[in-house]
């Protein structure tokens, strides 16, 4: 979905420049992946180019495969939102949409339609343009539900990361579940909701910062355990305090009623009912892997494929 929202929704077989794509999407895409997977072609401009690497004036256009994929993807937002109306109740979903819109309309920058691919240190990338530029041809009220959810969550992440040395993705998914006693590395996907590859990237950051240690299991098993250092324990405490402080700041910034209504609209969706739609497509790759027991507290969209659990 991230690759549709940060790339394919803006590209056609007529083609646009890579510069235009980034202005419209307001965030980079995984260009090499999109080419490798066969969804797009990237070609030099008509005037030619001496470089073998795509520049901002190069043209990106959909392949036949990419065009067919877009025809499948485009209506899914409406289809799934209607399923959610039936599952959670249309009144509940309308309340959620209005609560999200109330915040999005007051954001002072135009954010991407999706959570961006995490960058160095697994930090969230900021917007590529200011509000009023590259509005993607729609008003806020026309945005699909995942776009509204993404904008609000990204705004929170950007504020969090302006004050934290560790990204919200790492804090919310990995730092949150670790302790000073140690947890088996093999158990972290089950506890965090993100893939082992995403955990490996996050642990690399935590170890480099001296916040966590990976060592042999003291119980003698062949696996390894990860545990927080004293600095890591303090970082976990700071993470929780910062979450509370930013939410309190949002109550002052956007209004007590708006943030209360947003929380009340989100809370009923955070339980087991969300898993009702996670039955994988029989021929898809997720059907062959273990079904998630929890969802990430912050989606980790990586270059690996753009999946929200870092797969």
Protein backbone atom coordinates (compact mmCIF):
# COMPACT_ATOMS: atom_id res chain seq x y z
CA UNK A 1 0.00 0.00 0.00
CA UNK A 2 2.86 2.41 0.80
CA UNK A 3 4.31 1.88 -2.69
CA UNK A 4 0.94 2.66 -4.25
CA UNK A 5 0.52 5.80 -2.16
CA UNK A 6 4.07 7.14 -2.58
CA UNK A 7 4.39 6.25 -6.26
CA UNK A 8 1.83 4.36 -8.32
CA UNK A 9 -1.20 6.58 -7.64
CA UNK A 10 0.62 9.45 -9.40
CA UNK A 11 2.15 7.55 -12.35
CA UNK A 12 0.53 6.60 -15.66
CA UNK A 13 1.68 5.14 -18.95
CA UNK A 14 2.04 8.76 -20.17
CA UNK A 15 4.86 9.30 -17.68
CA UNK A 16 5.98 12.12 -15.40
CA UNK A 17 9.43 13.22 -14.24
CA UNK A 18 10.90 11.88 -11.03
CA UNK A 19 10.92 15.47 -9.77
CA UNK A 20 7.17 15.77 -10.39
CA UNK A 21 6.59 12.43 -8.66
CA UNK A 22 8.36 13.53 -5.47
CA UNK A 23 6.52 16.87 -5.49
CA UNK A 24 3.17 15.10 -5.76
CA UNK A 25 3.95 12.32 -3.27
CA UNK A 26 5.81 14.65 -0.88
CA UNK A 27 8.06 11.72 0.01
CA UNK A 28 10.55 9.50 -1.86
CA UNK A 29 9.56 6.10 -3.20
CA UNK A 30 11.62 2.91 -3.42
CA UNK A 31 12.51 3.53 -7.05
CA UNK A 32 14.87 0.57 -7.43
CA UNK A 33 12.28 -1.76 -5.95
CA UNK A 34 9.47 -0.45 -8.16
CA UNK A 35 11.62 -1.06 -11.23
CA UNK A 36 12.81 -4.47 -10.04
CA UNK A 37 9.27 -5.63 -9.30
CA UNK A 38 8.23 -4.65 -12.82
CA UNK A 39 5.66 -1.94 -12.01
CA UNK A 40 7.44 1.00 -13.66
CA UNK A 41 9.94 1.95 -16.30
CA UNK A 42 12.39 4.81 -15.75
CA UNK A 43 13.90 6.37 -18.86
CA UNK A 44 16.15 9.34 -19.69
CA UNK A 45 14.42 12.55 -20.80
CA UNK A 46 13.93 13.13 -24.56
CA UNK A 47 16.87 15.54 -24.49
CA UNK A 48 19.08 12.68 -23.34
CA UNK A 49 21.26 12.20 -20.29
CA UNK A 50 24.90 11.32 -19.85
CA UNK A 51 24.31 9.73 -16.47
CA UNK A 52 23.40 6.10 -16.13
CA UNK A 53 21.69 6.81 -12.82
CA UNK A 54 18.17 8.25 -12.89
CA UNK A 55 18.09 12.00 -12.32
CA UNK A 56 15.20 14.23 -11.32
CA UNK A 57 14.44 14.94 -15.00
CA UNK A 58 14.12 11.25 -15.91
CA UNK A 59 10.68 9.95 -16.88
CA UNK A 60 8.80 7.32 -14.85
CA UNK A 61 5.84 5.51 -16.40
CA UNK A 62 3.77 2.44 -15.59
CA UNK A 63 4.36 -0.88 -17.31
CA UNK A 64 1.45 -3.05 -18.44
CA UNK A 65 1.87 -4.97 -15.18
CA UNK A 66 1.88 -1.74 -13.18
CA UNK A 67 -1.25 -0.46 -14.91
CA UNK A 68 -3.08 -3.73 -14.19
CA UNK A 69 -1.95 -3.61 -10.56
CA UNK A 70 -3.27 -0.06 -10.15
CA UNK A 71 -6.67 -1.17 -11.43
CA UNK A 72 -6.72 -3.73 -8.60
CA UNK A 73 -5.33 -1.44 -5.90
CA UNK A 74 -7.26 1.78 -6.58
CA UNK A 75 -10.73 0.62 -5.44
CA UNK A 76 -9.44 -1.28 -2.39
CA UNK A 77 -9.55 1.79 -0.14
CA UNK A 78 -13.30 2.17 -0.62
CA UNK A 79 -13.90 -1.57 -0.37
CA UNK A 80 -12.00 -1.93 2.91
CA UNK A 81 -13.49 1.22 4.41
CA UNK A 82 -16.96 -0.21 3.72
CA UNK A 83 -15.93 -3.46 5.45
CA UNK A 84 -14.81 -1.43 8.45
CA UNK A 85 -18.17 0.37 8.47
CA UNK A 86 -19.88 -3.02 8.80
CA UNK A 87 -17.37 -4.38 11.32
CA UNK A 88 -17.13 -1.38 13.64
CA UNK A 89 -20.32 0.49 12.78
CA UNK A 90 -20.79 3.37 10.34
CA UNK A 91 -21.36 5.86 13.18
CA UNK A 92 -18.07 4.84 14.82
CA UNK A 93 -16.18 5.14 11.55
CA UNK A 94 -17.71 8.50 10.69
CA UNK A 95 -16.68 9.74 14.12
CA UNK A 96 -13.13 8.54 13.49
CA UNK A 97 -12.99 10.26 10.09
CA UNK A 98 -14.26 13.56 11.51
CA UNK A 99 -11.82 13.38 14.44
CA UNK A 100 -8.88 12.75 12.11
CA UNK A 101 -9.98 15.52 9.74
CA UNK A 102 -10.19 17.98 12.63
CA UNK A 103 -6.48 17.46 13.30
CA UNK A 104 -5.31 17.17 9.66
CA UNK A 105 -6.93 20.48 8.75
CA UNK A 106 -4.86 22.25 11.39
CA UNK A 107 -1.48 20.77 10.48
CA UNK A 108 0.82 23.52 9.23
CA UNK A 109 2.51 21.39 6.55
CA UNK A 110 1.12 19.16 3.78
CA UNK A 111 2.18 15.64 4.71
CA UNK A 112 2.41 12.57 2.45
CA UNK A 113 -0.61 10.33 1.96
CA UNK A 114 1.23 7.46 3.65
CA UNK A 115 3.83 6.82 6.30
CA UNK A 116 7.18 7.37 4.57
CA UNK A 117 9.89 4.79 4.16
CA UNK A 118 12.01 5.02 7.31
CA UNK A 119 15.39 6.61 6.78
CA UNK A 120 18.74 6.46 8.56
CA UNK A 121 18.31 5.37 12.17
CA UNK A 122 14.73 4.39 11.24
CA UNK A 123 13.59 8.00 11.59
CA UNK A 124 10.51 9.24 9.74
CA UNK A 125 11.15 11.51 6.77
CA UNK A 126 9.51 14.91 6.81
CA UNK A 127 7.33 16.34 4.03
CA UNK A 128 8.84 17.28 0.69
CA UNK A 129 6.76 20.46 0.27
CA UNK A 130 4.92 23.09 2.28
CA UNK A 131 1.14 23.18 2.67
CA UNK A 132 -0.49 24.64 -0.42
CA UNK A 133 2.03 23.03 -2.78
CA UNK A 134 1.47 19.70 -4.53
CA UNK A 135 -1.93 19.07 -2.96
CA UNK A 136 -2.30 15.89 -5.05
CA UNK A 137 -5.57 17.12 -6.51
CA UNK A 138 -7.88 16.48 -3.57
CA UNK A 139 -9.24 18.24 -0.52
CA UNK A 140 -8.62 16.86 2.96
CA UNK A 141 -12.24 15.70 3.16
CA UNK A 142 -11.71 13.51 0.06
CA UNK A 143 -8.82 11.58 1.61
CA UNK A 144 -9.21 7.86 2.20
CA UNK A 145 -9.10 6.74 5.82
CA UNK A 146 -5.51 5.36 5.74
CA UNK A 147 -4.30 8.69 4.38
CA UNK A 148 -5.86 10.55 7.31
CA UNK A 149 -4.48 8.02 9.80
CA UNK A 150 -1.01 8.30 8.26
CA UNK A 151 -0.90 12.09 8.32
CA UNK A 152 -1.86 12.29 11.99
CA UNK A 153 0.56 9.55 13.03
CA UNK A 154 3.39 11.04 10.97
CA UNK A 155 2.81 14.48 12.49
CA UNK A 156 3.08 12.91 15.95
CA UNK A 157 6.23 10.99 14.95
CA UNK A 158 7.94 14.08 13.57
CA UNK A 159 7.28 15.99 16.78
CA UNK A 160 8.46 13.04 18.87
CA UNK A 161 11.65 12.65 16.85
CA UNK A 162 12.46 16.35 17.09
CA UNK A 163 13.05 15.70 20.81
CA UNK A 164 14.30 12.09 20.87
CA UNK A 165 17.63 10.53 19.95
CA UNK A 166 15.81 7.30 19.10
CA UNK A 167 13.09 7.07 16.43
CA UNK A 168 9.48 6.49 17.36
CA UNK A 169 9.49 3.27 15.32
CA UNK A 170 12.30 1.82 17.44
CA UNK A 171 10.89 3.13 20.72
CA UNK A 172 7.32 1.98 20.11
CA UNK A 173 8.18 -1.47 18.76
CA UNK A 174 11.49 -2.58 20.26
CA UNK A 175 12.46 -0.40 23.22
CA UNK A 176 8.92 -0.81 24.54
CA UNK A 177 9.17 -4.61 24.87
CA UNK A 178 12.80 -4.92 26.05
CA UNK A 179 13.90 -4.87 29.69
CA UNK A 180 17.12 -5.19 31.67
CA UNK A 181 16.54 -8.91 32.31
CA UNK A 182 16.65 -9.91 28.67
CA UNK A 183 14.27 -11.28 26.03
CA UNK A 184 15.11 -13.94 23.45
CA UNK A 185 15.73 -12.40 20.04
CA UNK A 186 13.56 -15.08 18.49
CA UNK A 187 10.59 -13.95 20.62
CA UNK A 188 10.77 -10.28 19.63
CA UNK A 189 8.70 -10.60 16.41
CA UNK A 190 5.89 -12.16 18.44
CA UNK A 191 5.99 -9.41 21.09
CA UNK A 192 6.57 -6.42 18.82
CA UNK A 193 4.58 -7.27 15.70
CA UNK A 194 7.48 -6.45 13.36
CA UNK A 195 9.62 -8.78 11.27
CA UNK A 196 12.95 -10.25 12.35
CA UNK A 197 14.67 -8.18 9.66
CA UNK A 198 13.17 -4.97 11.04
CA UNK A 199 14.21 -6.03 14.54
CA UNK A 200 17.76 -6.65 13.34
CA UNK A 201 17.94 -3.10 11.96
CA UNK A 202 16.51 -1.62 15.14
CA UNK A 203 18.81 -3.62 17.41
CA UNK A 204 21.79 -2.39 15.40
CA UNK A 205 20.78 1.19 16.21
CA UNK A 206 20.19 0.44 19.90
CA UNK A 207 23.52 -1.37 20.27
CA UNK A 208 25.40 1.44 18.51
CA UNK A 209 23.88 3.96 20.91
CA UNK A 210 24.75 1.79 23.92
CA UNK A 211 21.10 1.32 24.84
CA UNK A 212 20.92 -2.46 24.42
CA UNK A 213 23.17 -5.51 24.40
CA UNK A 214 22.76 -8.76 22.46
CA UNK A 215 24.46 -11.70 24.15
CA UNK A 216 24.35 -15.45 24.56
CA UNK A 217 21.31 -16.80 26.42
CA UNK A 218 22.35 -17.23 30.08
CA UNK A 219 19.92 -20.17 30.27
CA UNK A 220 22.16 -22.06 27.87
CA UNK A 221 19.93 -22.21 24.76
CA UNK A 222 21.48 -21.75 21.34
CA UNK A 223 19.67 -18.47 20.74
CA UNK A 224 20.66 -14.99 21.89
CA UNK A 225 18.91 -12.54 24.16
CA UNK A 226 18.62 -8.76 24.01
CA UNK A 227 18.53 -6.64 27.13
CA UNK A 228 18.57 -2.97 27.95
CA UNK A 229 21.59 -1.27 29.47
CA UNK A 230 21.13 1.27 32.27
CA UNK A 231 21.03 3.97 29.59
CA UNK A 232 18.47 1.90 27.69
CA UNK A 233 16.20 1.68 30.73
CA UNK A 234 16.37 5.48 31.04
CA UNK A 235 15.68 5.86 27.30
CA UNK A 236 12.57 3.65 27.65
CA UNK A 237 11.36 5.83 30.52
CA UNK A 238 12.01 8.98 28.50
CA UNK A 239 10.04 7.49 25.59
CA UNK A 240 6.97 6.98 27.76
CA UNK A 241 7.23 10.43 29.34
CA UNK A 242 7.63 12.09 25.94
CA UNK A 243 4.51 10.34 24.59
CA UNK A 244 2.47 11.75 27.47
CA UNK A 245 3.96 15.24 27.10
CA UNK A 246 3.29 15.44 23.35
CA UNK A 247 -0.29 14.24 23.76
CA UNK A 248 -0.81 16.89 26.43
CA UNK A 249 0.70 19.44 24.05
CA UNK A 250 -1.71 18.37 21.33
CA UNK A 251 -4.62 18.92 23.70
CA UNK A 252 -3.48 22.52 24.10
CA UNK A 253 -2.63 22.99 20.42
CA UNK A 254 -5.69 21.40 18.78
CA UNK A 255 -8.13 21.63 21.64
CA UNK A 256 -9.05 19.32 24.49
CA UNK A 257 -12.29 18.19 22.84
CA UNK A 258 -10.68 17.32 19.48
CA UNK A 259 -7.96 15.13 20.97
CA UNK A 260 -10.36 13.49 23.42
CA UNK A 261 -12.75 12.67 20.56
CA UNK A 262 -9.88 11.31 18.46
CA UNK A 263 -8.73 9.03 21.27
CA UNK A 264 -12.28 7.85 21.93
CA UNK A 265 -12.71 7.07 18.22
CA UNK A 266 -9.43 5.15 18.01
CA UNK A 267 -9.57 3.09 21.19
CA UNK A 268 -12.38 0.70 20.10
CA UNK A 269 -10.35 -0.12 16.97
CA UNK A 270 -7.19 -1.10 18.82
CA UNK A 271 -8.28 -4.54 20.05
CA UNK A 272 -8.93 -7.98 18.61
CA UNK A 273 -11.55 -6.71 16.15
CA UNK A 274 -8.78 -5.43 13.88
CA UNK A 275 -7.62 -8.98 13.23
CA UNK A 276 -10.95 -9.86 11.62
CA UNK A 277 -9.71 -8.75 8.23
CA UNK A 278 -6.20 -10.18 8.37
CA UNK A 279 -6.92 -13.55 6.77
CA UNK A 280 -4.21 -13.72 4.08
CA UNK A 281 -4.86 -14.32 0.41
CA UNK A 282 -4.31 -18.09 -0.08
CA UNK A 283 -1.73 -17.64 -2.86
CA UNK A 284 0.02 -14.68 -1.21
CA UNK A 285 3.28 -14.94 0.71
CA UNK A 286 1.66 -14.09 4.05
CA UNK A 287 -0.37 -17.30 3.89
CA UNK A 288 2.87 -19.27 4.31
CA UNK A 289 4.17 -17.41 7.36
CA UNK A 290 3.07 -17.22 10.98
CA UNK A 291 -0.05 -15.14 11.57
CA UNK A 292 0.73 -12.05 13.66
CA UNK A 293 -0.42 -12.05 17.27
CA UNK A 294 0.05 -8.30 17.74
CA UNK A 295 0.31 -5.33 15.41
CA UNK A 296 3.21 -2.85 15.52
CA UNK A 297 2.66 0.16 17.73
CA UNK A 298 4.28 2.17 14.92
CA UNK A 299 4.39 0.77 11.36
CA UNK A 300 7.96 0.18 10.16
CA UNK A 301 7.83 0.86 6.43
CA UNK A 302 11.21 -0.24 5.06
CA UNK A 303 12.77 -0.42 1.60
CA UNK A 304 12.44 -4.18 1.82
CA UNK A 305 8.95 -3.95 0.33
CA UNK A 306 7.01 -1.24 2.07
CA UNK A 307 5.06 -3.56 4.36
CA UNK A 308 4.08 -2.01 7.71
CA UNK A 309 5.79 -4.72 9.78
CA UNK A 310 9.09 -4.32 7.95
CA UNK A 311 8.73 -7.59 6.00
